Each structure stands twice: as structure tokens, then as C-alpha cells.
Amino acid sequence: MKPSPWPNAIDHLLAKSVQHGGETLAAHTWEVLCRLADLYRLRPQLAGPARLWHCLYWAAFLHDFGKAARGFQYRLRGGPVWPHRHEVLSLAFVDAIAH
């Protein structure tokens, strides 16, 4: 049997609150990447600077990783307001792919 490419181990992490669809972080990231792929297919000539699509892929892939933070996950499940921006926390993952 082939291993699944789907990250089942993180399916408990949400990207959207239940009142806004309860979409998981993995499913949301997949949808974002699908929309980027659609844009690439529609407008491949937008290549612009070297490696633009490469950079856009990684930006789209990482853009919501900060939502995995415990406080943000509590908030999505009805907990107290979380005073931090998930986007800023997502930046912490850039170093992992930049080398």
C-alpha cells in the first residue's frame, strides 16, 4: 500500500472556525495552492522576475502555518481573543525552506 500524501497527522488543526466552515489547515492550504495553480495555468506569462512562481508557491504554502499556534487554535474553537497575528508566526517557517 502506498503512503498517503495527505497530512493526516495535522487534520485536527483548523484554518477556519466552525462558524466559518471549520476548514482544516491542510485542506485550506491545499485550496490555496489549487487557486495558485489555476492562476498559473491562466496567466503563465506573468512570470516576471526569475522564480516568481516558485516564490509564490512557497508564500501560498506557508501563509497560514501560524494558525497552528495553540492560542489561535483555541480561538477558532470559541476560546478567548488571541492578540497575535498568525501571519507573523507563519514567517517563522520561511527559514526552514530558505536554505
C-alpha atoms as a PDB file:
ATOM      1  CA  MET A   1       0.000   0.000   0.000  1.00  0.00           C
ATOM      2  CA  LYS A   2       1.283   3.482  -0.860  1.00  0.00           C
ATOM      3  CA  PRO A   3       1.590   6.069   1.880  1.00  0.00           C
ATOM      4  CA  SER A   4      -0.929   8.894   1.685  1.00  0.00           C
ATOM      5  CA  PRO A   5       0.426  12.292   0.627  1.00  0.00           C
ATOM      6  CA  TRP A   6      -2.303  13.878   2.728  1.00  0.00           C
ATOM      7  CA  PRO A   7      -1.015  15.078   6.135  1.00  0.00           C
ATOM      8  CA  ASN A   8      -3.479  13.169   8.354  1.00  0.00           C
ATOM      9  CA  ALA A   9      -1.392  13.904  11.448  1.00  0.00           C
ATOM     10  CA  ILE A  10      -2.407  17.580  11.323  1.00  0.00           C
ATOM     11  CA  ASP A  11      -6.089  17.164  10.445  1.00  0.00           C
ATOM     12  CA  HIS A  12      -7.018  18.385  13.938  1.00  0.00           C
ATOM     13  CA  LEU A  13      -5.622  21.858  13.107  1.00  0.00           C
ATOM     14  CA  LEU A  14      -8.151  24.341  11.834  1.00  0.00           C
ATOM     15  CA  ALA A  15      -7.723  27.264   9.455  1.00  0.00           C
ATOM     16  CA  LYS A  16     -11.312  28.485   9.864  1.00  0.00           C
ATOM     17  CA  SER A  17     -13.623  28.470  12.860  1.00  0.00           C
ATOM     18  CA  VAL A  18     -16.594  26.106  12.846  1.00  0.00           C
ATOM     19  CA  GLN A  19     -18.940  29.058  12.310  1.00  0.00           C
ATOM     20  CA  HIS A  20     -16.938  29.863   9.152  1.00  0.00           C
ATOM     21  CA  GLY A  21     -16.858  26.309   7.810  1.00  0.00           C
ATOM     22  CA  GLY A  22     -14.377  24.597  10.139  1.00  0.00           C
ATOM     23  CA  GLU A  23     -11.931  24.008   7.298  1.00  0.00           C
ATOM     24  CA  THR A  24      -8.741  22.255   8.361  1.00  0.00           C
ATOM     25  CA  LEU A  25      -5.368  23.888   7.873  1.00  0.00           C
ATOM     26  CA  ALA A  26      -4.320  21.117   5.482  1.00  0.00           C
ATOM     27  CA  ALA A  27      -7.486  21.453   3.367  1.00  0.00           C
ATOM     28  CA  HIS A  28      -7.233  25.245   3.339  1.00  0.00           C
ATOM     29  CA  THR A  29      -3.581  25.147   2.284  1.00  0.00           C
ATOM     30  CA  TRP A  30      -4.477  22.695  -0.477  1.00  0.00           C
ATOM     31  CA  GLU A  31      -7.232  25.005  -1.742  1.00  0.00           C
ATOM     32  CA  VAL A  32      -4.875  27.997  -1.737  1.00  0.00           C
ATOM     33  CA  LEU A  33      -2.325  26.020  -3.755  1.00  0.00           C
ATOM     34  CA  CYS A  34      -5.033  24.915  -6.188  1.00  0.00           C
ATOM     35  CA  ARG A  35      -6.045  28.539  -6.760  1.00  0.00           C
ATOM     36  CA  LEU A  36      -2.402  29.448  -7.365  1.00  0.00           C
ATOM     37  CA  ALA A  37      -2.135  26.595  -9.879  1.00  0.00           C
ATOM     38  CA  ASP A  38      -5.272  27.912 -11.596  1.00  0.00           C
ATOM     39  CA  LEU A  39      -3.696  31.352 -11.823  1.00  0.00           C
ATOM     40  CA  TYR A  40      -0.517  29.872 -13.268  1.00  0.00           C
ATOM     41  CA  ARG A  41      -2.494  27.964 -15.911  1.00  0.00           C
ATOM     42  CA  LEU A  42      -4.478  31.089 -16.810  1.00  0.00           C
ATOM     43  CA  ARG A  43      -1.559  33.527 -16.801  1.00  0.00           C
ATOM     44  CA  PRO A  44       1.773  31.700 -17.249  1.00  0.00           C
ATOM     45  CA  GLN A  45       3.187  34.787 -18.957  1.00  0.00           C
ATOM     46  CA  LEU A  46       3.119  36.630 -15.615  1.00  0.00           C
ATOM     47  CA  ALA A  47       6.461  35.036 -14.841  1.00  0.00           C
ATOM     48  CA  GLY A  48       8.051  38.467 -14.350  1.00  0.00           C
ATOM     49  CA  PRO A  49      11.177  38.239 -12.201  1.00  0.00           C
ATOM     50  CA  ALA A  50      13.057  34.951 -12.165  1.00  0.00           C
ATOM     51  CA  ARG A  51      11.456  32.311  -9.954  1.00  0.00           C
ATOM     52  CA  LEU A  52       8.264  34.321  -9.365  1.00  0.00           C
ATOM     53  CA  TRP A  53       6.010  31.248  -9.459  1.00  0.00           C
ATOM     54  CA  HIS A  54       8.432  29.394  -7.200  1.00  0.00           C
ATOM     55  CA  CYS A  55       8.311  32.215  -4.643  1.00  0.00           C
ATOM     56  CA  LEU A  56       4.521  32.487  -4.916  1.00  0.00           C
ATOM     57  CA  TYR A  57       4.181  28.754  -4.302  1.00  0.00           C
ATOM     58  CA  TRP A  58       6.138  28.944  -1.043  1.00  0.00           C
ATOM     59  CA  ALA A  59       4.311  32.085   0.056  1.00  0.00           C
ATOM     60  CA  ALA A  60       0.952  30.398  -0.584  1.00  0.00           C
ATOM     61  CA  PHE A  61       2.079  27.174   1.081  1.00  0.00           C
ATOM     62  CA  LEU A  62       3.323  28.864   4.256  1.00  0.00           C
ATOM     63  CA  HIS A  63       0.886  31.767   4.561  1.00  0.00           C
ATOM     64  CA  ASP A  64      -1.316  30.232   7.270  1.00  0.00           C
ATOM     65  CA  PHE A  65       1.100  27.970   9.147  1.00  0.00           C
ATOM     66  CA  GLY A  66       0.999  30.389  12.088  1.00  0.00           C
ATOM     67  CA  LYS A  67      -2.605  29.295  12.619  1.00  0.00           C
ATOM     68  CA  ALA A  68      -1.210  26.083  14.133  1.00  0.00           C
ATOM     69  CA  ALA A  69      -0.301  28.047  17.285  1.00  0.00           C
ATOM     70  CA  ARG A  70      -2.137  26.723  20.321  1.00  0.00           C
ATOM     71  CA  GLY A  71      -3.704  30.107  21.166  1.00  0.00           C
ATOM     72  CA  PHE A  72      -5.018  30.560  17.645  1.00  0.00           C
ATOM     73  CA  GLN A  73      -6.481  27.042  17.641  1.00  0.00           C
ATOM     74  CA  TYR A  74      -8.243  27.770  20.948  1.00  0.00           C
ATOM     75  CA  ARG A  75      -9.683  30.945  19.429  1.00  0.00           C
ATOM     76  CA  LEU A  76     -11.018  29.047  16.405  1.00  0.00           C
ATOM     77  CA  ARG A  77     -12.813  26.717  18.805  1.00  0.00           C
ATOM     78  CA  GLY A  78     -14.547  29.543  20.654  1.00  0.00           C
ATOM     79  CA  GLY A  79     -11.798  30.500  23.073  1.00  0.00           C
ATOM     80  CA  PRO A  80     -10.691  33.987  24.054  1.00  0.00           C
ATOM     81  CA  VAL A  81      -9.383  36.553  21.598  1.00  0.00           C
ATOM     82  CA  TRP A  82      -5.811  35.826  20.625  1.00  0.00           C
ATOM     83  CA  PRO A  83      -3.819  39.074  20.361  1.00  0.00           C
ATOM     84  CA  HIS A  84      -1.234  37.901  17.807  1.00  0.00           C
ATOM     85  CA  ARG A  85      -1.244  37.878  14.016  1.00  0.00           C
ATOM     86  CA  HIS A  86      -0.986  34.383  12.576  1.00  0.00           C
ATOM     87  CA  GLU A  87       0.784  35.801   9.506  1.00  0.00           C
ATOM     88  CA  VAL A  88       3.711  36.944  11.636  1.00  0.00           C
ATOM     89  CA  LEU A  89       4.047  33.472  13.150  1.00  0.00           C
ATOM     90  CA  SER A  90       3.964  31.984   9.654  1.00  0.00           C
ATOM     91  CA  LEU A  91       7.172  33.868   8.887  1.00  0.00           C
ATOM     92  CA  ALA A  92       8.999  31.612  11.346  1.00  0.00           C
ATOM     93  CA  PHE A  93       8.674  28.783   8.813  1.00  0.00           C
ATOM     94  CA  VAL A  94      10.424  30.672   5.997  1.00  0.00           C
ATOM     95  CA  ASP A  95      13.856  29.926   7.400  1.00  0.00           C
ATOM     96  CA  ALA A  96      13.139  26.199   7.146  1.00  0.00           C
ATOM     97  CA  ILE A  97      12.808  26.427   3.349  1.00  0.00           C
ATOM     98  CA  ALA A  98      15.258  29.241   2.644  1.00  0.00           C
ATOM     99  CA  HIS A  99      18.426  27.176   2.971  1.00  0.00           C
END
